[in-house]
Every structure is written in C-alpha cells, then in structure tokens.
C-alpha cells in the first residue's frame, strides 16, 4: 500500500509555543524541528514495519531532508491537493496535528492560520485542518487511518473519521500554550505501534466525505481580510468578517475556499 503522511508541528510533543503572531527564537525553532523530525520518522518507521510499498511525506513546516527516514520521500513545494494526486494512495496518516480553531484547552488550536482565521466551517460544521485536508483525501477515496497530536486533536479525529481510526496522544492538552508532554523515548515507540495497528484496521475505515454542493465558510479576525477575499468570483459575503464559497464538488470548494484563500492570507500572515 502507498501512503501519504500529512505533517504539522503544533501537535508534536513539546512544541507548545508560537503561533498567534508570536515569533520564535532560532534555538527554539531548531529544537522544535528536531522533535518534529523524530515523530515523523517514527511514523515512517511504523509504515515500513507495516509493509508500506511507498511512503511520501508532505511538508507543512520546514522538514530537514537530510534527517528524514531513508525509506520516505519528501513532497516539497507541492500543495496538499496536488500531493494527494501524486499516487494511488491507500491511506493518509497525520502526524503532529493540532485541533481546530475555537476549541478550548487545545494546544495552539487553529485552522489554517492562527493569526487571521477565527472560525471555519464546511457545510456548516466547525472544521480544522484534519477536516479540510482529510476531505481532499476523501474526495479521492483515500481514508485517514492514523493521527498523532495532543489529546484534543485525537478527540477531533475520532469525531471525524468513521471507523477504527488509530490516534496517539503524545501530549495532554492543558491550554493554548500548555501541555503535559511525553519525551521522544516514550512517543516514538507509541507512534510506531500505533501506525502498525492503523494498517491492520485500514480496510474498516471510510474516507471523509461531504454532501455536495460543498460550502466553505471562513470568519476572519479583521473585516479588511474579508474585503480582499470577497473580491474572488464566487464568494459570498456573510457578514462583516465572514465569507463563504460554494462549489459543485468538494475539490472545487477546496480550491476556492482554502487553496485560493491561502494566497490572500499571505498578505496578512507573512
């Protein structure tokens, strides 16, 4: 089975600081990258031990290619919606994932942007990155079989995925910037074991799908961001800070409601 790994950093054990417009020191950035690489490589190793035919890792935060597990390939500079179409993947796995925006007591909870987005919904349902990225996979018939992150992200995965999705909580969420964090010596074996269990139950998991037509709705921190996004053809102004985008298929909704939106956010998040 060919697998695609969705990576993030805010759900990696110990990576509790940053986001929300707050900068980071070079030392902390290097430390967080090393922690992230350890968890990514543990998930890759789990895939190897489970018999994965090919493993492609997607990059959200900067991945140290020289330190990547030798059995993986890095998709650098390729957006999620294109990554999912690179191969006929049998499964998607999330590592280092955080919970969606609006959740209390969740480490660095946000959806897409912790700076500019204050609310996000798909067909009226509050959604996070698991929801909209998992939806891209689901539109291609690919199930999400595994997720690691803080306890709140794991709860979210169990709410979204229909079937025995395997979750591994690498830290116990306490607040936006607080958690009880497990050390790598503990998390890495848990991740390897969790991935192997996920492979064993993969056939029982259904892809994340949405009724069509599909509507993405985004609430922004400032009305001026909604002003810019509302200039995109097909968007609908729902309020001073809220804009929606509706399309016939999930992929079309994603392209207008998230992929194109990202180009607007660069102006405010950079």
C-alpha atoms as a PDB file:
ATOM      1  CA  UNK A   1       0.000   0.000   0.000  1.00  0.00           C
ATOM      2  CA  UNK A   2       1.233   3.503  -0.878  1.00  0.00           C
ATOM      3  CA  UNK A   3       0.716   6.020   1.921  1.00  0.00           C
ATOM      4  CA  UNK A   4       0.798   9.782   2.286  1.00  0.00           C
ATOM      5  CA  UNK A   5       1.817  11.417   5.560  1.00  0.00           C
ATOM      6  CA  UNK A   6       0.414  14.852   6.425  1.00  0.00           C
ATOM      7  CA  UNK A   7       2.825  16.626   8.777  1.00  0.00           C
ATOM      8  CA  UNK A   8       2.446  19.524  11.163  1.00  0.00           C
ATOM      9  CA  UNK A   9       4.393  20.806  14.140  1.00  0.00           C
ATOM     10  CA  UNK A  10       1.981  22.265  16.683  1.00  0.00           C
ATOM     11  CA  UNK A  11       0.797  18.785  17.667  1.00  0.00           C
ATOM     12  CA  UNK A  12       4.300  17.401  18.209  1.00  0.00           C
ATOM     13  CA  UNK A  13       5.040  16.736  21.879  1.00  0.00           C
ATOM     14  CA  UNK A  14       6.724  19.746  23.460  1.00  0.00           C
ATOM     15  CA  UNK A  15       6.066  22.193  20.611  1.00  0.00           C
ATOM     16  CA  UNK A  16       3.634  24.325  22.590  1.00  0.00           C
ATOM     17  CA  UNK A  17       4.930  27.854  21.962  1.00  0.00           C
ATOM     18  CA  UNK A  18       4.465  30.128  18.959  1.00  0.00           C
ATOM     19  CA  UNK A  19       1.608  30.969  16.628  1.00  0.00           C
ATOM     20  CA  UNK A  20      -0.938  33.765  17.103  1.00  0.00           C
ATOM     21  CA  UNK A  21       1.518  36.298  15.751  1.00  0.00           C
ATOM     22  CA  UNK A  22       4.218  35.379  18.260  1.00  0.00           C
ATOM     23  CA  UNK A  23       7.721  34.860  16.929  1.00  0.00           C
ATOM     24  CA  UNK A  24      10.251  32.224  17.920  1.00  0.00           C
ATOM     25  CA  UNK A  25      13.961  32.150  18.664  1.00  0.00           C
ATOM     26  CA  UNK A  26      16.342  30.308  16.317  1.00  0.00           C
ATOM     27  CA  UNK A  27      17.226  27.936  19.157  1.00  0.00           C
ATOM     28  CA  UNK A  28      13.599  27.048  19.808  1.00  0.00           C
ATOM     29  CA  UNK A  29      12.918  26.619  16.086  1.00  0.00           C
ATOM     30  CA  UNK A  30      15.805  24.150  15.791  1.00  0.00           C
ATOM     31  CA  UNK A  31      14.633  22.281  18.881  1.00  0.00           C
ATOM     32  CA  UNK A  32      11.067  22.041  17.597  1.00  0.00           C
ATOM     33  CA  UNK A  33      12.232  20.876  14.177  1.00  0.00           C
ATOM     34  CA  UNK A  34      14.272  18.111  15.792  1.00  0.00           C
ATOM     35  CA  UNK A  35      11.274  16.994  17.879  1.00  0.00           C
ATOM     36  CA  UNK A  36       9.082  17.057  14.766  1.00  0.00           C
ATOM     37  CA  UNK A  37      11.585  15.060  12.722  1.00  0.00           C
ATOM     38  CA  UNK A  38      11.710  12.421  15.424  1.00  0.00           C
ATOM     39  CA  UNK A  39       7.943  11.926  15.362  1.00  0.00           C
ATOM     40  CA  UNK A  40       7.760  11.976  11.549  1.00  0.00           C
ATOM     41  CA  UNK A  41      10.486   9.346  11.324  1.00  0.00           C
ATOM     42  CA  UNK A  42       8.766   7.191  13.935  1.00  0.00           C
ATOM     43  CA  UNK A  43       5.573   7.252  11.863  1.00  0.00           C
ATOM     44  CA  UNK A  44       7.552   6.417   8.722  1.00  0.00           C
ATOM     45  CA  UNK A  45       9.209   3.520  10.560  1.00  0.00           C
ATOM     46  CA  UNK A  46       5.787   2.258  11.576  1.00  0.00           C
ATOM     47  CA  UNK A  47       4.741   2.327   7.921  1.00  0.00           C
ATOM     48  CA  UNK A  48       7.891   0.420   6.948  1.00  0.00           C
ATOM     49  CA  UNK A  49       7.270  -2.241   9.576  1.00  0.00           C
ATOM     50  CA  UNK A  50       3.629  -2.491   8.458  1.00  0.00           C
ATOM     51  CA  UNK A  51       4.766  -3.240   4.895  1.00  0.00           C
ATOM     52  CA  UNK A  52       4.069   0.059   3.112  1.00  0.00           C
ATOM     53  CA  UNK A  53       5.030  -0.081  -0.551  1.00  0.00           C
ATOM     54  CA  UNK A  54       5.865   3.627  -0.852  1.00  0.00           C
ATOM     55  CA  UNK A  55       5.830   6.455   1.716  1.00  0.00           C
ATOM     56  CA  UNK A  56       5.531  10.102   0.711  1.00  0.00           C
ATOM     57  CA  UNK A  57       5.773  12.820   3.368  1.00  0.00           C
ATOM     58  CA  UNK A  58       4.112  16.185   2.823  1.00  0.00           C
ATOM     59  CA  UNK A  59       5.769  19.313   4.207  1.00  0.00           C
ATOM     60  CA  UNK A  60       3.950  21.975   6.194  1.00  0.00           C
ATOM     61  CA  UNK A  61       6.719  23.218   8.496  1.00  0.00           C
ATOM     62  CA  UNK A  62      10.290  23.037   7.246  1.00  0.00           C
ATOM     63  CA  UNK A  63      11.473  19.417   7.185  1.00  0.00           C
ATOM     64  CA  UNK A  64      15.164  18.567   7.476  1.00  0.00           C
ATOM     65  CA  UNK A  65      15.548  16.411   4.370  1.00  0.00           C
ATOM     66  CA  UNK A  66      18.976  15.181   5.475  1.00  0.00           C
ATOM     67  CA  UNK A  67      17.434  13.807   8.672  1.00  0.00           C
ATOM     68  CA  UNK A  68      14.378  12.217   7.036  1.00  0.00           C
ATOM     69  CA  UNK A  69      13.934   8.447   7.302  1.00  0.00           C
ATOM     70  CA  UNK A  70      15.649   6.874   4.255  1.00  0.00           C
ATOM     71  CA  UNK A  71      12.539   4.915   3.280  1.00  0.00           C
ATOM     72  CA  UNK A  72      10.457   8.086   2.784  1.00  0.00           C
ATOM     73  CA  UNK A  73      10.235  10.654   0.009  1.00  0.00           C
ATOM     74  CA  UNK A  74       9.590  14.353   0.723  1.00  0.00           C
ATOM     75  CA  UNK A  75       6.972  16.292  -1.256  1.00  0.00           C
ATOM     76  CA  UNK A  76       8.454  19.778  -1.023  1.00  0.00           C
ATOM     77  CA  UNK A  77       6.725  22.753  -2.608  1.00  0.00           C
ATOM     78  CA  UNK A  78       3.655  20.722  -3.603  1.00  0.00           C
ATOM     79  CA  UNK A  79       0.270  21.777  -2.122  1.00  0.00           C
ATOM     80  CA  UNK A  80      -1.868  19.184  -0.339  1.00  0.00           C
ATOM     81  CA  UNK A  81      -4.457  18.891  -3.106  1.00  0.00           C
ATOM     82  CA  UNK A  82      -1.715  18.066  -5.612  1.00  0.00           C
ATOM     83  CA  UNK A  83       0.134  15.771  -3.197  1.00  0.00           C
ATOM     84  CA  UNK A  84      -2.932  13.575  -2.833  1.00  0.00           C
ATOM     85  CA  UNK A  85      -2.999  13.013  -6.592  1.00  0.00           C
ATOM     86  CA  UNK A  86       0.667  12.020  -6.919  1.00  0.00           C
ATOM     87  CA  UNK A  87      -0.088   8.313  -6.477  1.00  0.00           C
ATOM     88  CA  UNK A  88      -2.977   5.926  -5.924  1.00  0.00           C
ATOM     89  CA  UNK A  89      -2.635   6.151  -2.153  1.00  0.00           C
ATOM     90  CA  UNK A  90      -4.283   3.566   0.052  1.00  0.00           C
ATOM     91  CA  UNK A  91      -4.194   5.643   3.228  1.00  0.00           C
ATOM     92  CA  UNK A  92      -3.378   9.032   4.738  1.00  0.00           C
ATOM     93  CA  UNK A  93      -1.722   9.463   8.139  1.00  0.00           C
ATOM     94  CA  UNK A  94      -1.472  12.701  10.162  1.00  0.00           C
ATOM     95  CA  UNK A  95       1.485  13.381  12.467  1.00  0.00           C
ATOM     96  CA  UNK A  96       1.971  16.384  14.763  1.00  0.00           C
ATOM     97  CA  UNK A  97      -1.598  17.552  14.217  1.00  0.00           C
ATOM     98  CA  UNK A  98      -3.298  20.206  16.340  1.00  0.00           C
ATOM     99  CA  UNK A  99      -7.006  20.770  16.951  1.00  0.00           C
ATOM    100  CA  UNK A 100      -9.291  23.171  15.112  1.00  0.00           C
ATOM    101  CA  UNK A 101      -9.842  26.827  15.860  1.00  0.00           C
ATOM    102  CA  UNK A 102     -12.327  27.643  18.581  1.00  0.00           C
ATOM    103  CA  UNK A 103     -11.617  24.673  20.835  1.00  0.00           C
ATOM    104  CA  UNK A 104     -10.787  25.434  24.450  1.00  0.00           C
ATOM    105  CA  UNK A 105      -7.829  23.853  26.245  1.00  0.00           C
ATOM    106  CA  UNK A 106      -6.225  22.686  22.977  1.00  0.00           C
ATOM    107  CA  UNK A 107      -2.566  23.308  22.186  1.00  0.00           C
ATOM    108  CA  UNK A 108      -2.165  26.022  19.516  1.00  0.00           C
ATOM    109  CA  UNK A 109      -5.648  25.285  18.183  1.00  0.00           C
ATOM    110  CA  UNK A 110      -6.264  26.938  14.821  1.00  0.00           C
ATOM    111  CA  UNK A 111      -7.467  26.200  11.301  1.00  0.00           C
ATOM    112  CA  UNK A 112      -5.099  27.223   8.539  1.00  0.00           C
ATOM    113  CA  UNK A 113      -3.993  30.414  10.293  1.00  0.00           C
ATOM    114  CA  UNK A 114      -3.690  31.231  13.979  1.00  0.00           C
ATOM    115  CA  UNK A 115      -3.265  34.891  13.032  1.00  0.00           C
ATOM    116  CA  UNK A 116      -6.118  35.670  10.661  1.00  0.00           C
ATOM    117  CA  UNK A 117      -8.846  32.976  10.898  1.00  0.00           C
ATOM    118  CA  UNK A 118     -11.194  32.866  13.902  1.00  0.00           C
ATOM    119  CA  UNK A 119     -13.776  30.426  12.561  1.00  0.00           C
ATOM    120  CA  UNK A 120     -14.015  27.838   9.799  1.00  0.00           C
ATOM    121  CA  UNK A 121     -16.883  25.586   8.697  1.00  0.00           C
ATOM    122  CA  UNK A 122     -17.514  23.013   5.987  1.00  0.00           C
ATOM    123  CA  UNK A 123     -21.228  22.668   5.197  1.00  0.00           C
ATOM    124  CA  UNK A 124     -21.930  24.419   8.474  1.00  0.00           C
ATOM    125  CA  UNK A 125     -19.790  22.067  10.577  1.00  0.00           C
ATOM    126  CA  UNK A 126     -16.849  23.539  12.527  1.00  0.00           C
ATOM    127  CA  UNK A 127     -13.731  22.091  10.903  1.00  0.00           C
ATOM    128  CA  UNK A 128      -9.990  22.024  11.313  1.00  0.00           C
ATOM    129  CA  UNK A 129      -7.101  21.016   9.130  1.00  0.00           C
ATOM    130  CA  UNK A 130      -7.978  17.359   9.608  1.00  0.00           C
ATOM    131  CA  UNK A 131     -11.404  18.141   8.164  1.00  0.00           C
ATOM    132  CA  UNK A 132     -10.372  20.048   5.072  1.00  0.00           C
ATOM    133  CA  UNK A 133      -7.231  18.038   4.247  1.00  0.00           C
ATOM    134  CA  UNK A 134      -8.972  14.770   5.098  1.00  0.00           C
ATOM    135  CA  UNK A 135     -11.779  15.911   2.807  1.00  0.00           C
ATOM    136  CA  UNK A 136      -9.352  16.190  -0.110  1.00  0.00           C
ATOM    137  CA  UNK A 137      -8.221  12.636   0.592  1.00  0.00           C
ATOM    138  CA  UNK A 138     -11.830  11.512   0.925  1.00  0.00           C
ATOM    139  CA  UNK A 139     -12.781  13.049  -2.408  1.00  0.00           C
ATOM    140  CA  UNK A 140     -10.193  10.693  -3.921  1.00  0.00           C
ATOM    141  CA  UNK A 141     -11.467   7.729  -1.923  1.00  0.00           C
ATOM    142  CA  UNK A 142      -8.499   7.704   0.489  1.00  0.00           C
ATOM    143  CA  UNK A 143      -9.211   7.080   4.190  1.00  0.00           C
ATOM    144  CA  UNK A 144      -7.474   8.748   7.132  1.00  0.00           C
ATOM    145  CA  UNK A 145      -6.287   5.818   9.253  1.00  0.00           C
ATOM    146  CA  UNK A 146      -3.988   7.456  11.828  1.00  0.00           C
ATOM    147  CA  UNK A 147      -3.446  10.722  13.676  1.00  0.00           C
ATOM    148  CA  UNK A 148      -0.998  11.808  16.364  1.00  0.00           C
ATOM    149  CA  UNK A 149      -1.112  15.066  18.275  1.00  0.00           C
ATOM    150  CA  UNK A 150      -2.392  16.431  21.555  1.00  0.00           C
ATOM    151  CA  UNK A 151      -5.409  14.902  23.302  1.00  0.00           C
ATOM    152  CA  UNK A 152      -7.841  17.405  21.748  1.00  0.00           C
ATOM    153  CA  UNK A 153      -6.614  16.701  18.208  1.00  0.00           C
ATOM    154  CA  UNK A 154      -7.062  12.987  18.865  1.00  0.00           C
ATOM    155  CA  UNK A 155     -10.636  13.584  20.057  1.00  0.00           C
ATOM    156  CA  UNK A 156     -11.317  15.538  16.870  1.00  0.00           C
ATOM    157  CA  UNK A 157     -10.033  12.659  14.726  1.00  0.00           C
ATOM    158  CA  UNK A 158     -12.356  10.205  16.412  1.00  0.00           C
ATOM    159  CA  UNK A 159     -15.268  12.571  15.759  1.00  0.00           C
ATOM    160  CA  UNK A 160     -14.455  12.980  12.065  1.00  0.00           C
ATOM    161  CA  UNK A 161     -13.324   9.555  10.938  1.00  0.00           C
ATOM    162  CA  UNK A 162     -15.895   6.787  10.549  1.00  0.00           C
ATOM    163  CA  UNK A 163     -14.226   3.539  11.573  1.00  0.00           C
ATOM    164  CA  UNK A 164     -11.414   2.418  13.880  1.00  0.00           C
ATOM    165  CA  UNK A 165      -9.011   5.296  13.282  1.00  0.00           C
ATOM    166  CA  UNK A 166      -5.940   4.949  15.495  1.00  0.00           C
ATOM    167  CA  UNK A 167      -4.903   8.025  17.485  1.00  0.00           C
ATOM    168  CA  UNK A 168      -1.777   8.530  19.564  1.00  0.00           C
ATOM    169  CA  UNK A 169      -1.821  11.376  22.093  1.00  0.00           C
ATOM    170  CA  UNK A 170       1.782  12.485  22.520  1.00  0.00           C
ATOM    171  CA  UNK A 171       0.834  15.226  24.976  1.00  0.00           C
ATOM    172  CA  UNK A 172      -2.070  16.001  27.296  1.00  0.00           C
ATOM    173  CA  UNK A 173      -3.541  19.363  26.305  1.00  0.00           C
ATOM    174  CA  UNK A 174      -3.961  21.925  29.071  1.00  0.00           C
ATOM    175  CA  UNK A 175      -4.190  25.301  27.309  1.00  0.00           C
ATOM    176  CA  UNK A 176      -3.204  27.055  24.103  1.00  0.00           C
ATOM    177  CA  UNK A 177       0.448  27.073  25.151  1.00  0.00           C
ATOM    178  CA  UNK A 178       0.446  24.391  27.808  1.00  0.00           C
ATOM    179  CA  UNK A 179       0.524  20.583  27.864  1.00  0.00           C
ATOM    180  CA  UNK A 180       1.910  17.598  29.733  1.00  0.00           C
ATOM    181  CA  UNK A 181       4.465  16.407  27.190  1.00  0.00           C
ATOM    182  CA  UNK A 182       5.888  12.937  26.701  1.00  0.00           C
ATOM    183  CA  UNK A 183       9.614  12.637  25.803  1.00  0.00           C
ATOM    184  CA  UNK A 184      10.726  11.132  22.468  1.00  0.00           C
ATOM    185  CA  UNK A 185      11.845   7.929  24.176  1.00  0.00           C
ATOM    186  CA  UNK A 186       8.178   7.374  25.039  1.00  0.00           C
ATOM    187  CA  UNK A 187       6.420   8.838  22.000  1.00  0.00           C
ATOM    188  CA  UNK A 188       8.432   7.116  19.275  1.00  0.00           C
ATOM    189  CA  UNK A 189       7.565   3.518  20.284  1.00  0.00           C
ATOM    190  CA  UNK A 190       3.921   4.581  20.766  1.00  0.00           C
ATOM    191  CA  UNK A 191       3.845   6.067  17.260  1.00  0.00           C
ATOM    192  CA  UNK A 192       5.416   3.017  15.629  1.00  0.00           C
ATOM    193  CA  UNK A 193       2.980   0.690  17.372  1.00  0.00           C
ATOM    194  CA  UNK A 194       0.011   2.943  16.588  1.00  0.00           C
ATOM    195  CA  UNK A 195       0.809   3.071  12.883  1.00  0.00           C
ATOM    196  CA  UNK A 196       1.095  -0.712  12.702  1.00  0.00           C
ATOM    197  CA  UNK A 197      -2.313  -1.057  14.365  1.00  0.00           C
ATOM    198  CA  UNK A 198      -3.734   1.507  11.938  1.00  0.00           C
ATOM    199  CA  UNK A 199      -2.586  -0.532   8.952  1.00  0.00           C
ATOM    200  CA  UNK A 200      -4.206  -3.620  10.419  1.00  0.00           C
ATOM    201  CA  UNK A 201      -7.612  -1.906  10.590  1.00  0.00           C
ATOM    202  CA  UNK A 202      -7.349   0.276   7.484  1.00  0.00           C
ATOM    203  CA  UNK A 203      -9.934  -1.642   5.445  1.00  0.00           C
ATOM    204  CA  UNK A 204     -12.615  -0.880   8.028  1.00  0.00           C
ATOM    205  CA  UNK A 205     -12.248   2.910   7.755  1.00  0.00           C
ATOM    206  CA  UNK A 206     -14.375   5.039   5.443  1.00  0.00           C
ATOM    207  CA  UNK A 207     -12.978   8.148   3.729  1.00  0.00           C
ATOM    208  CA  UNK A 208     -14.108  11.569   4.989  1.00  0.00           C
ATOM    209  CA  UNK A 209     -16.775  12.772   2.580  1.00  0.00           C
ATOM    210  CA  UNK A 210     -19.189  15.721   2.395  1.00  0.00           C
ATOM    211  CA  UNK A 211     -22.597  16.130   0.820  1.00  0.00           C
ATOM    212  CA  UNK A 212     -22.430  18.156  -2.391  1.00  0.00           C
ATOM    213  CA  UNK A 213     -22.617  21.010  -3.224  1.00  0.00           C
ATOM    214  CA  UNK A 214     -19.983  21.959  -0.655  1.00  0.00           C
ATOM    215  CA  UNK A 215     -19.693  25.285   1.180  1.00  0.00           C
ATOM    216  CA  UNK A 216     -16.549  26.539   2.915  1.00  0.00           C
ATOM    217  CA  UNK A 217     -17.213  29.416   5.340  1.00  0.00           C
ATOM    218  CA  UNK A 218     -14.439  31.442   6.940  1.00  0.00           C
ATOM    219  CA  UNK A 219     -14.557  34.048   9.685  1.00  0.00           C
ATOM    220  CA  UNK A 220     -11.578  36.395   9.810  1.00  0.00           C
ATOM    221  CA  UNK A 221     -10.034  38.428  12.586  1.00  0.00           C
ATOM    222  CA  UNK A 222     -10.410  41.649  10.594  1.00  0.00           C
ATOM    223  CA  UNK A 223     -13.051  42.822   8.119  1.00  0.00           C
ATOM    224  CA  UNK A 224     -10.327  44.004   5.737  1.00  0.00           C
ATOM    225  CA  UNK A 225      -9.289  40.368   5.123  1.00  0.00           C
ATOM    226  CA  UNK A 226     -12.878  39.513   4.256  1.00  0.00           C
ATOM    227  CA  UNK A 227     -12.861  42.535   1.915  1.00  0.00           C
ATOM    228  CA  UNK A 228      -9.924  41.084  -0.026  1.00  0.00           C
ATOM    229  CA  UNK A 229     -11.244  37.528  -0.122  1.00  0.00           C
ATOM    230  CA  UNK A 230     -14.723  38.669  -1.207  1.00  0.00           C
ATOM    231  CA  UNK A 231     -13.181  40.007  -4.429  1.00  0.00           C
ATOM    232  CA  UNK A 232     -12.694  36.415  -5.612  1.00  0.00           C
ATOM    233  CA  UNK A 233     -15.505  35.438  -8.025  1.00  0.00           C
ATOM    234  CA  UNK A 234     -17.976  33.028  -6.447  1.00  0.00           C
ATOM    235  CA  UNK A 235     -17.540  34.188  -2.866  1.00  0.00           C
ATOM    236  CA  UNK A 236     -20.486  35.423  -0.802  1.00  0.00           C
ATOM    237  CA  UNK A 237     -20.270  37.967   1.988  1.00  0.00           C
ATOM    238  CA  UNK A 238     -21.996  36.517   5.053  1.00  0.00           C
ATOM    239  CA  UNK A 239     -21.088  39.289   7.486  1.00  0.00           C
ATOM    240  CA  UNK A 240     -18.515  41.937   8.267  1.00  0.00           C
ATOM    241  CA  UNK A 241     -15.763  39.363   8.827  1.00  0.00           C
ATOM    242  CA  UNK A 242     -17.264  36.222   7.260  1.00  0.00           C
ATOM    243  CA  UNK A 243     -17.164  34.963   3.667  1.00  0.00           C
ATOM    244  CA  UNK A 244     -18.398  31.710   2.127  1.00  0.00           C
ATOM    245  CA  UNK A 245     -17.568  29.845  -1.060  1.00  0.00           C
ATOM    246  CA  UNK A 246     -19.850  27.173  -2.545  1.00  0.00           C
ATOM    247  CA  UNK A 247     -18.994  24.763  -5.355  1.00  0.00           C
ATOM    248  CA  UNK A 248     -20.427  21.705  -7.045  1.00  0.00           C
ATOM    249  CA  UNK A 249     -17.742  19.285  -5.830  1.00  0.00           C
ATOM    250  CA  UNK A 250     -15.515  19.089  -2.778  1.00  0.00           C
ATOM    251  CA  UNK A 251     -12.331  19.692  -4.755  1.00  0.00           C
ATOM    252  CA  UNK A 252     -13.795  22.802  -6.382  1.00  0.00           C
ATOM    253  CA  UNK A 253     -14.914  24.105  -2.991  1.00  0.00           C
ATOM    254  CA  UNK A 254     -11.484  23.415  -1.554  1.00  0.00           C
ATOM    255  CA  UNK A 255      -9.758  25.266  -4.374  1.00  0.00           C
ATOM    256  CA  UNK A 256     -11.847  28.395  -3.837  1.00  0.00           C
ATOM    257  CA  UNK A 257     -12.420  28.070  -0.113  1.00  0.00           C
ATOM    258  CA  UNK A 258      -8.918  27.151   1.051  1.00  0.00           C
ATOM    259  CA  UNK A 259      -6.286  26.929  -1.696  1.00  0.00           C
ATOM    260  CA  UNK A 260      -7.095  30.362  -3.155  1.00  0.00           C
ATOM    261  CA  UNK A 261      -7.768  31.752   0.314  1.00  0.00           C
ATOM    262  CA  UNK A 262      -4.171  30.925   1.237  1.00  0.00           C
ATOM    263  CA  UNK A 263      -2.926  33.441  -1.317  1.00  0.00           C
ATOM    264  CA  UNK A 264      -4.992  36.158   0.385  1.00  0.00           C
ATOM    265  CA  UNK A 265      -3.676  35.230   3.835  1.00  0.00           C
ATOM    266  CA  UNK A 266      -0.040  35.554   2.765  1.00  0.00           C
ATOM    267  CA  UNK A 267      -0.613  39.291   2.780  1.00  0.00           C
ATOM    268  CA  UNK A 268      -1.661  39.271   6.435  1.00  0.00           C
ATOM    269  CA  UNK A 269       0.199  36.301   7.919  1.00  0.00           C
ATOM    270  CA  UNK A 270       3.660  36.913   6.459  1.00  0.00           C
END
